[in-house]
PDB file of all heavy atoms in Angstrom:
ATOM      1  N   ARG A   1       0.853  -1.181   0.000  1.00  0.00           N
ATOM      2  CA  ARG A   1       0.000   0.000   0.000  1.00  0.00           C
ATOM      3  C   ARG A   1       0.888   1.230   0.000  1.00  0.00           C
ATOM      4  O   ARG A   1       1.605   1.483   0.970  1.00  0.00           O
ATOM      5  CB  ARG A   1      -0.915   0.020   1.217  1.00  0.00           C
ATOM      6  CG  ARG A   1      -1.979   1.116   1.176  1.00  0.00           C
ATOM      7  CD  ARG A   1      -2.622   1.290   2.535  1.00  0.00           C
ATOM      8  NE  ARG A   1      -3.860   2.047   2.475  1.00  0.00           N
ATOM      9  CZ  ARG A   1      -4.434   2.625   3.533  1.00  0.00           C
ATOM     10  NH1 ARG A   1      -3.881   2.506   4.733  1.00  0.00           N
ATOM     11  NH2 ARG A   1      -5.568   3.292   3.379  1.00  0.00           N
ATOM     12  N   LEU A   2       0.841   1.983  -1.084  1.00  0.00           N
ATOM     13  CA  LEU A   2       1.600   3.208  -1.194  1.00  0.00           C
ATOM     14  C   LEU A   2       0.764   4.385  -0.720  1.00  0.00           C
ATOM     15  O   LEU A   2      -0.448   4.423  -0.928  1.00  0.00           O
ATOM     16  CB  LEU A   2       2.040   3.453  -2.633  1.00  0.00           C
ATOM     17  CG  LEU A   2       2.815   2.332  -3.322  1.00  0.00           C
ATOM     18  CD1 LEU A   2       3.267   2.790  -4.704  1.00  0.00           C
ATOM     19  CD2 LEU A   2       4.008   1.886  -2.486  1.00  0.00           C
ATOM     20  N   SER A   3       1.428   5.346  -0.099  1.00  0.00           N
ATOM     21  CA  SER A   3       0.779   6.563   0.350  1.00  0.00           C
ATOM     22  C   SER A   3       1.394   7.765  -0.345  1.00  0.00           C
ATOM     23  O   SER A   3       2.585   7.780  -0.642  1.00  0.00           O
ATOM     24  CB  SER A   3       0.925   6.733   1.869  1.00  0.00           C
ATOM     25  OG  SER A   3       0.305   5.682   2.567  1.00  0.00           O
ATOM     26  N   CYS A   4       0.575   8.761  -0.592  1.00  0.00           N
ATOM     27  CA  CYS A   4       1.008  10.034  -1.148  1.00  0.00           C
ATOM     28  C   CYS A   4       0.457  11.113  -0.242  1.00  0.00           C
ATOM     29  O   CYS A   4      -0.752  11.386  -0.259  1.00  0.00           O
ATOM     30  CB  CYS A   4       0.504  10.187  -2.581  1.00  0.00           C
ATOM     31  SG  CYS A   4       0.823  11.798  -3.329  1.00  0.00           S
ATOM     32  N   ALA A   5       1.322  11.693   0.563  1.00  0.00           N
ATOM     33  CA  ALA A   5       0.915  12.684   1.544  1.00  0.00           C
ATOM     34  C   ALA A   5       1.287  14.082   1.070  1.00  0.00           C
ATOM     35  O   ALA A   5       2.430  14.328   0.672  1.00  0.00           O
ATOM     36  CB  ALA A   5       1.570  12.400   2.890  1.00  0.00           C
ATOM     37  N   ALA A   6       0.332  14.987   1.120  1.00  0.00           N
ATOM     38  CA  ALA A   6       0.547  16.368   0.705  1.00  0.00           C
ATOM     39  C   ALA A   6       0.777  17.250   1.920  1.00  0.00           C
ATOM     40  O   ALA A   6       0.155  17.071   2.963  1.00  0.00           O
ATOM     41  CB  ALA A   6      -0.643  16.883  -0.091  1.00  0.00           C
ATOM     42  N   SER A   7       1.665  18.208   1.762  1.00  0.00           N
ATOM     43  CA  SER A   7       1.876  19.226   2.776  1.00  0.00           C
ATOM     44  C   SER A   7       2.018  20.575   2.091  1.00  0.00           C
ATOM     45  O   SER A   7       2.487  20.661   0.966  1.00  0.00           O
ATOM     46  CB  SER A   7       3.108  18.920   3.633  1.00  0.00           C
ATOM     47  OG  SER A   7       4.283  18.886   2.848  1.00  0.00           O
ATOM     48  N   GLY A   8       1.599  21.619   2.782  1.00  0.00           N
ATOM     49  CA  GLY A   8       1.654  22.953   2.222  1.00  0.00           C
ATOM     50  C   GLY A   8       0.453  23.316   1.373  1.00  0.00           C
ATOM     51  O   GLY A   8       0.335  24.477   0.959  1.00  0.00           O
ATOM     52  N   PHE A   9      -0.416  22.361   1.096  1.00  0.00           N
ATOM     53  CA  PHE A   9      -1.648  22.598   0.359  1.00  0.00           C
ATOM     54  C   PHE A   9      -2.597  21.455   0.646  1.00  0.00           C
ATOM     55  O   PHE A   9      -2.184  20.409   1.163  1.00  0.00           O
ATOM     56  CB  PHE A   9      -1.400  22.755  -1.148  1.00  0.00           C
ATOM     57  CG  PHE A   9      -0.954  21.500  -1.835  1.00  0.00           C
ATOM     58  CD1 PHE A   9      -1.845  20.774  -2.615  1.00  0.00           C
ATOM     59  CD2 PHE A   9       0.347  21.044  -1.716  1.00  0.00           C
ATOM     60  CE1 PHE A   9      -1.438  19.617  -3.267  1.00  0.00           C
ATOM     61  CE2 PHE A   9       0.756  19.889  -2.353  1.00  0.00           C
ATOM     62  CZ  PHE A   9      -0.135  19.176  -3.133  1.00  0.00           C
ATOM     63  N   THR A  10      -3.852  21.625   0.306  1.00  0.00           N
ATOM     64  CA  THR A  10      -4.858  20.596   0.525  1.00  0.00           C
ATOM     65  C   THR A  10      -5.238  19.948  -0.801  1.00  0.00           C
ATOM     66  O   THR A  10      -5.325  20.611  -1.830  1.00  0.00           O
ATOM     67  CB  THR A  10      -6.109  21.161   1.204  1.00  0.00           C
ATOM     68  OG1 THR A  10      -6.656  22.223   0.413  1.00  0.00           O
ATOM     69  CG2 THR A  10      -5.770  21.699   2.584  1.00  0.00           C
ATOM     70  N   LEU A  11      -5.491  18.651  -0.745  1.00  0.00           N
ATOM     71  CA  LEU A  11      -5.760  17.865  -1.946  1.00  0.00           C
ATOM     72  C   LEU A  11      -7.214  17.872  -2.384  1.00  0.00           C
ATOM     73  O   LEU A  11      -7.526  17.349  -3.456  1.00  0.00           O
ATOM     74  CB  LEU A  11      -5.331  16.413  -1.711  1.00  0.00           C
ATOM     75  CG  LEU A  11      -3.836  16.134  -1.600  1.00  0.00           C
ATOM     76  CD1 LEU A  11      -3.614  14.685  -1.195  1.00  0.00           C
ATOM     77  CD2 LEU A  11      -3.138  16.431  -2.907  1.00  0.00           C
ATOM     78  N   ASP A  12      -8.090  18.461  -1.604  1.00  0.00           N
ATOM     79  CA  ASP A  12      -9.530  18.285  -1.787  1.00  0.00           C
ATOM     80  C   ASP A  12     -10.008  18.511  -3.216  1.00  0.00           C
ATOM     81  O   ASP A  12     -10.847  17.751  -3.715  1.00  0.00           O
ATOM     82  CB  ASP A  12     -10.298  19.216  -0.858  1.00  0.00           C
ATOM     83  CG  ASP A  12     -10.062  18.926   0.612  1.00  0.00           C
ATOM     84  OD1 ASP A  12      -8.937  18.553   0.977  1.00  0.00           O
ATOM     85  OD2 ASP A  12     -11.022  19.098   1.392  1.00  0.00           O
ATOM     86  N   TYR A  13      -9.508  19.543  -3.870  1.00  0.00           N
ATOM     87  CA  TYR A  13     -10.025  19.921  -5.184  1.00  0.00           C
ATOM     88  C   TYR A  13      -9.133  19.484  -6.335  1.00  0.00           C
ATOM     89  O   TYR A  13      -9.360  19.894  -7.475  1.00  0.00           O
ATOM     90  CB  TYR A  13     -10.267  21.431  -5.232  1.00  0.00           C
ATOM     91  CG  TYR A  13     -11.269  21.882  -4.203  1.00  0.00           C
ATOM     92  CD1 TYR A  13     -10.867  22.521  -3.034  1.00  0.00           C
ATOM     93  CD2 TYR A  13     -12.628  21.638  -4.383  1.00  0.00           C
ATOM     94  CE1 TYR A  13     -11.791  22.913  -2.078  1.00  0.00           C
ATOM     95  CE2 TYR A  13     -13.553  22.028  -3.434  1.00  0.00           C
ATOM     96  CZ  TYR A  13     -13.130  22.665  -2.282  1.00  0.00           C
ATOM     97  OH  TYR A  13     -14.053  23.054  -1.336  1.00  0.00           O
ATOM     98  N   TYR A  14      -8.148  18.660  -6.062  1.00  0.00           N
ATOM     99  CA  TYR A  14      -7.228  18.162  -7.076  1.00  0.00           C
ATOM    100  C   TYR A  14      -7.606  16.760  -7.517  1.00  0.00           C
ATOM    101  O   TYR A  14      -8.141  15.964  -6.743  1.00  0.00           O
ATOM    102  CB  TYR A  14      -5.797  18.117  -6.534  1.00  0.00           C
ATOM    103  CG  TYR A  14      -5.137  19.447  -6.302  1.00  0.00           C
ATOM    104  CD1 TYR A  14      -5.470  20.237  -5.213  1.00  0.00           C
ATOM    105  CD2 TYR A  14      -4.145  19.892  -7.169  1.00  0.00           C
ATOM    106  CE1 TYR A  14      -4.845  21.451  -4.994  1.00  0.00           C
ATOM    107  CE2 TYR A  14      -3.514  21.099  -6.954  1.00  0.00           C
ATOM    108  CZ  TYR A  14      -3.869  21.872  -5.860  1.00  0.00           C
ATOM    109  OH  TYR A  14      -3.234  23.070  -5.647  1.00  0.00           O
ATOM    110  N   ALA A  15      -7.306  16.448  -8.765  1.00  0.00           N
ATOM    111  CA  ALA A  15      -7.182  15.063  -9.176  1.00  0.00           C
ATOM    112  C   ALA A  15      -5.772  14.590  -8.843  1.00  0.00           C
ATOM    113  O   ALA A  15      -4.820  15.360  -8.917  1.00  0.00           O
ATOM    114  CB  ALA A  15      -7.445  14.914 -10.671  1.00  0.00           C
ATOM    115  N   ILE A  16      -5.656  13.330  -8.459  1.00  0.00           N
ATOM    116  CA  ILE A  16      -4.354  12.766  -8.113  1.00  0.00           C
ATOM    117  C   ILE A  16      -4.106  11.526  -8.961  1.00  0.00           C
ATOM    118  O   ILE A  16      -4.950  10.627  -9.006  1.00  0.00           O
ATOM    119  CB  ILE A  16      -4.249  12.409  -6.617  1.00  0.00           C
ATOM    120  CG1 ILE A  16      -4.482  13.638  -5.746  1.00  0.00           C
ATOM    121  CG2 ILE A  16      -2.862  11.829  -6.321  1.00  0.00           C
ATOM    122  CD1 ILE A  16      -5.893  13.781  -5.239  1.00  0.00           C
ATOM    123  N   GLY A  17      -2.967  11.501  -9.607  1.00  0.00           N
ATOM    124  CA  GLY A  17      -2.592  10.373 -10.430  1.00  0.00           C
ATOM    125  C   GLY A  17      -1.402   9.633  -9.854  1.00  0.00           C
ATOM    126  O   GLY A  17      -0.526  10.229  -9.221  1.00  0.00           O
ATOM    127  N   TRP A  18      -1.395   8.326 -10.051  1.00  0.00           N
ATOM    128  CA  TRP A  18      -0.232   7.501  -9.768  1.00  0.00           C
ATOM    129  C   TRP A  18       0.415   7.109 -11.091  1.00  0.00           C
ATOM    130  O   TRP A  18      -0.276   6.665 -12.019  1.00  0.00           O
ATOM    131  CB  TRP A  18      -0.605   6.246  -8.986  1.00  0.00           C
ATOM    132  CG  TRP A  18      -0.825   6.486  -7.523  1.00  0.00           C
ATOM    133  CD1 TRP A  18      -2.007   6.657  -6.883  1.00  0.00           C
ATOM    134  CD2 TRP A  18       0.193   6.561  -6.514  1.00  0.00           C
ATOM    135  NE1 TRP A  18      -1.809   6.840  -5.539  1.00  0.00           N
ATOM    136  CE2 TRP A  18      -0.463   6.786  -5.280  1.00  0.00           C
ATOM    137  CE3 TRP A  18       1.583   6.459  -6.524  1.00  0.00           C
ATOM    138  CZ2 TRP A  18       0.227   6.916  -4.071  1.00  0.00           C
ATOM    139  CZ3 TRP A  18       2.267   6.592  -5.324  1.00  0.00           C
ATOM    140  CH2 TRP A  18       1.592   6.814  -4.133  1.00  0.00           C
ATOM    141  N   PHE A  19       1.722   7.267 -11.149  1.00  0.00           N
ATOM    142  CA  PHE A  19       2.525   6.935 -12.314  1.00  0.00           C
ATOM    143  C   PHE A  19       3.623   5.972 -11.896  1.00  0.00           C
ATOM    144  O   PHE A  19       3.954   5.875 -10.714  1.00  0.00           O
ATOM    145  CB  PHE A  19       3.164   8.191 -12.921  1.00  0.00           C
ATOM    146  CG  PHE A  19       2.180   9.250 -13.334  1.00  0.00           C
ATOM    147  CD1 PHE A  19       1.597  10.088 -12.394  1.00  0.00           C
ATOM    148  CD2 PHE A  19       1.851   9.415 -14.666  1.00  0.00           C
ATOM    149  CE1 PHE A  19       0.701  11.073 -12.763  1.00  0.00           C
ATOM    150  CE2 PHE A  19       0.953  10.404 -15.056  1.00  0.00           C
ATOM    151  CZ  PHE A  19       0.379  11.224 -14.106  1.00  0.00           C
ATOM    152  N   ARG A  20       4.202   5.289 -12.858  1.00  0.00           N
ATOM    153  CA  ARG A  20       5.353   4.450 -12.561  1.00  0.00           C
ATOM    154  C   ARG A  20       6.321   4.471 -13.725  1.00  0.00           C
ATOM    155  O   ARG A  20       5.937   4.690 -14.873  1.00  0.00           O
ATOM    156  CB  ARG A  20       4.936   3.009 -12.232  1.00  0.00           C
ATOM    157  CG  ARG A  20       4.307   2.245 -13.387  1.00  0.00           C
ATOM    158  CD  ARG A  20       3.842   0.868 -12.900  1.00  0.00           C
ATOM    159  NE  ARG A  20       3.291   0.077 -13.980  1.00  0.00           N
ATOM    160  CZ  ARG A  20       2.790  -1.134 -13.823  1.00  0.00           C
ATOM    161  NH1 ARG A  20       2.775  -1.701 -12.618  1.00  0.00           N
ATOM    162  NH2 ARG A  20       2.304  -1.794 -14.875  1.00  0.00           N
ATOM    163  N   GLN A  21       7.585   4.247 -13.405  1.00  0.00           N
ATOM    164  CA  GLN A  21       8.618   4.209 -14.421  1.00  0.00           C
ATOM    165  C   GLN A  21       9.650   3.152 -14.056  1.00  0.00           C
ATOM    166  O   GLN A  21      10.279   3.229 -13.004  1.00  0.00           O
ATOM    167  CB  GLN A  21       9.304   5.568 -14.581  1.00  0.00           C
ATOM    168  CG  GLN A  21      10.275   5.628 -15.742  1.00  0.00           C
ATOM    169  CD  GLN A  21      10.693   7.040 -16.080  1.00  0.00           C
ATOM    170  OE1 GLN A  21      10.574   7.951 -15.260  1.00  0.00           O
ATOM    171  NE2 GLN A  21      11.174   7.236 -17.291  1.00  0.00           N
ATOM    172  N   ALA A  22       9.790   2.172 -14.926  1.00  0.00           N
ATOM    173  CA  ALA A  22      10.803   1.142 -14.771  1.00  0.00           C
ATOM    174  C   ALA A  22      12.066   1.573 -15.505  1.00  0.00           C
ATOM    175  O   ALA A  22      12.006   2.363 -16.458  1.00  0.00           O
ATOM    176  CB  ALA A  22      10.296  -0.188 -15.314  1.00  0.00           C
ATOM    177  N   PRO A  23      13.232   1.059 -15.093  1.00  0.00           N
ATOM    178  CA  PRO A  23      14.472   1.415 -15.789  1.00  0.00           C
ATOM    179  C   PRO A  23      14.391   1.119 -17.283  1.00  0.00           C
ATOM    180  O   PRO A  23      13.974   0.033 -17.689  1.00  0.00           O
ATOM    181  CB  PRO A  23      15.524   0.535 -15.104  1.00  0.00           C
ATOM    182  CG  PRO A  23      14.967   0.282 -13.739  1.00  0.00           C
ATOM    183  CD  PRO A  23      13.483   0.172 -13.947  1.00  0.00           C
ATOM    184  N   GLY A  24      14.770   2.092 -18.091  1.00  0.00           N
ATOM    185  CA  GLY A  24      14.766   1.927 -19.527  1.00  0.00           C
ATOM    186  C   GLY A  24      13.408   2.041 -20.186  1.00  0.00           C
ATOM    187  O   GLY A  24      13.306   1.853 -21.402  1.00  0.00           O
ATOM    188  N   LYS A  25      12.372   2.345 -19.429  1.00  0.00           N
ATOM    189  CA  LYS A  25      11.029   2.452 -19.976  1.00  0.00           C
ATOM    190  C   LYS A  25      10.468   3.849 -19.703  1.00  0.00           C
ATOM    191  O   LYS A  25      10.918   4.555 -18.803  1.00  0.00           O
ATOM    192  CB  LYS A  25      10.105   1.395 -19.377  1.00  0.00           C
ATOM    193  CG  LYS A  25      10.577  -0.030 -19.602  1.00  0.00           C
ATOM    194  CD  LYS A  25       9.608  -1.052 -19.049  1.00  0.00           C
ATOM    195  CE  LYS A  25       8.359  -1.154 -19.885  1.00  0.00           C
ATOM    196  NZ  LYS A  25       7.467  -2.262 -19.425  1.00  0.00           N
ATOM    197  N   GLU A  26       9.495   4.223 -20.496  1.00  0.00           N
ATOM    198  CA  GLU A  26       8.860   5.520 -20.330  1.00  0.00           C
ATOM    199  C   GLU A  26       7.912   5.510 -19.140  1.00  0.00           C
ATOM    200  O   GLU A  26       7.401   4.469 -18.727  1.00  0.00           O
ATOM    201  CB  GLU A  26       8.108   5.913 -21.599  1.00  0.00           C
ATOM    202  CG  GLU A  26       8.999   6.148 -22.803  1.00  0.00           C
ATOM    203  CD  GLU A  26       8.228   6.610 -24.012  1.00  0.00           C
ATOM    204  OE1 GLU A  26       6.985   6.627 -23.972  1.00  0.00           O
ATOM    205  OE2 GLU A  26       8.875   6.966 -25.012  1.00  0.00           O
ATOM    206  N   ARG A  27       7.697   6.676 -18.595  1.00  0.00           N
ATOM    207  CA  ARG A  27       6.742   6.837 -17.505  1.00  0.00           C
ATOM    208  C   ARG A  27       5.347   6.445 -17.968  1.00  0.00           C
ATOM    209  O   ARG A  27       4.913   6.802 -19.075  1.00  0.00           O
ATOM    210  CB  ARG A  27       6.756   8.279 -17.013  1.00  0.00           C
ATOM    211  CG  ARG A  27       5.802   8.563 -15.862  1.00  0.00           C
ATOM    212  CD  ARG A  27       5.943  10.015 -15.432  1.00  0.00           C
ATOM    213  NE  ARG A  27       5.764  10.919 -16.557  1.00  0.00           N
ATOM    214  CZ  ARG A  27       6.305  12.128 -16.640  1.00  0.00           C
ATOM    215  NH1 ARG A  27       7.062  12.584 -15.651  1.00  0.00           N
ATOM    216  NH2 ARG A  27       6.085  12.883 -17.706  1.00  0.00           N
ATOM    217  N   GLU A  28       4.639   5.731 -17.129  1.00  0.00           N
ATOM    218  CA  GLU A  28       3.330   5.194 -17.449  1.00  0.00           C
ATOM    219  C   GLU A  28       2.309   5.652 -16.420  1.00  0.00           C
ATOM    220  O   GLU A  28       2.531   5.526 -15.214  1.00  0.00           O
ATOM    221  CB  GLU A  28       3.390   3.663 -17.475  1.00  0.00           C
ATOM    222  CG  GLU A  28       2.063   2.969 -17.667  1.00  0.00           C
ATOM    223  CD  GLU A  28       2.159   1.465 -17.497  1.00  0.00           C
ATOM    224  OE1 GLU A  28       3.028   1.010 -16.718  1.00  0.00           O
ATOM    225  OE2 GLU A  28       1.382   0.746 -18.151  1.00  0.00           O
ATOM    226  N   GLY A  29       1.201   6.181 -16.890  1.00  0.00           N
ATOM    227  CA  GLY A  29       0.104   6.483 -15.995  1.00  0.00           C
ATOM    228  C   GLY A  29      -0.597   5.207 -15.574  1.00  0.00           C
ATOM    229  O   GLY A  29      -0.861   4.337 -16.407  1.00  0.00           O
ATOM    230  N   VAL A  30      -0.905   5.081 -14.300  1.00  0.00           N
ATOM    231  CA  VAL A  30      -1.480   3.861 -13.755  1.00  0.00           C
ATOM    232  C   VAL A  30      -2.948   4.055 -13.387  1.00  0.00           C
ATOM    233  O   VAL A  30      -3.840   3.429 -13.964  1.00  0.00           O
ATOM    234  CB  VAL A  30      -0.673   3.362 -12.541  1.00  0.00           C
ATOM    235  CG1 VAL A  30      -1.277   2.080 -11.983  1.00  0.00           C
ATOM    236  CG2 VAL A  30       0.786   3.150 -12.923  1.00  0.00           C
ATOM    237  N   LEU A  31      -3.195   4.911 -12.411  1.00  0.00           N
ATOM    238  CA  LEU A  31      -4.539   5.179 -11.924  1.00  0.00           C
ATOM    239  C   LEU A  31      -4.650   6.643 -11.543  1.00  0.00           C
ATOM    240  O   LEU A  31      -3.655   7.281 -11.196  1.00  0.00           O
ATOM    241  CB  LEU A  31      -4.874   4.316 -10.704  1.00  0.00           C
ATOM    242  CG  LEU A  31      -5.344   2.886 -10.941  1.00  0.00           C
ATOM    243  CD1 LEU A  31      -5.242   2.084  -9.649  1.00  0.00           C
ATOM    244  CD2 LEU A  31      -6.770   2.874 -11.451  1.00  0.00           C
ATOM    245  N   CYS A  32      -5.860   7.145 -11.588  1.00  0.00           N
ATOM    246  CA  CYS A  32      -6.120   8.523 -11.190  1.00  0.00           C
ATOM    247  C   CYS A  32      -7.433   8.572 -10.439  1.00  0.00           C
ATOM    248  O   CYS A  32      -8.357   7.808 -10.738  1.00  0.00           O
ATOM    249  CB  CYS A  32      -6.172   9.435 -12.413  1.00  0.00           C
ATOM    250  SG  CYS A  32      -6.509  11.173 -12.048  1.00  0.00           S
ATOM    251  N   ILE A  33      -7.501   9.461  -9.467  1.00  0.00           N
ATOM    252  CA  ILE A  33      -8.745   9.700  -8.750  1.00  0.00           C
ATOM    253  C   ILE A  33      -9.077  11.182  -8.854  1.00  0.00           C
ATOM    254  O   ILE A  33      -8.222  12.047  -8.640  1.00  0.00           O
ATOM    255  CB  ILE A  33      -8.663   9.217  -7.281  1.00  0.00           C
ATOM    256  CG1 ILE A  33     -10.032   9.307  -6.612  1.00  0.00           C
ATOM    257  CG2 ILE A  33      -7.594   9.963  -6.502  1.00  0.00           C
ATOM    258  CD1 ILE A  33     -10.104   8.512  -5.307  1.00  0.00           C
ATOM    259  N   SER A  34     -10.310  11.487  -9.211  1.00  0.00           N
ATOM    260  CA  SER A  34     -10.723  12.861  -9.414  1.00  0.00           C
ATOM    261  C   SER A  34     -11.057  13.531  -8.087  1.00  0.00           C
ATOM    262  O   SER A  34     -11.108  12.892  -7.031  1.00  0.00           O
ATOM    263  CB  SER A  34     -11.947  12.910 -10.334  1.00  0.00           C
ATOM    264  OG  SER A  34     -13.097  12.422  -9.672  1.00  0.00           O
ATOM    265  N   SER A  35     -11.295  14.828  -8.156  1.00  0.00           N
ATOM    266  CA  SER A  35     -11.658  15.562  -6.945  1.00  0.00           C
ATOM    267  C   SER A  35     -12.974  15.087  -6.354  1.00  0.00           C
ATOM    268  O   SER A  35     -13.198  15.225  -5.145  1.00  0.00           O
ATOM    269  CB  SER A  35     -11.726  17.061  -7.238  1.00  0.00           C
ATOM    270  OG  SER A  35     -12.714  17.348  -8.213  1.00  0.00           O
ATOM    271  N   SER A  36     -13.838  14.514  -7.185  1.00  0.00           N
ATOM    272  CA  SER A  36     -15.116  14.002  -6.715  1.00  0.00           C
ATOM    273  C   SER A  36     -15.045  12.559  -6.236  1.00  0.00           C
ATOM    274  O   SER A  36     -16.044  12.021  -5.758  1.00  0.00           O
ATOM    275  CB  SER A  36     -16.173  14.123  -7.807  1.00  0.00           C
ATOM    276  OG  SER A  36     -15.830  13.354  -8.940  1.00  0.00           O
TER     277      SER A  36
END
């Protein structure tokens, strides 16, 4: 279970995406959650 903790601002109205990048490969979008 990965966590993404924000400081200095609130996440309420943002969409948040998780990305991943393996060595030698391009960054890949995995999942996103909208503000709603």
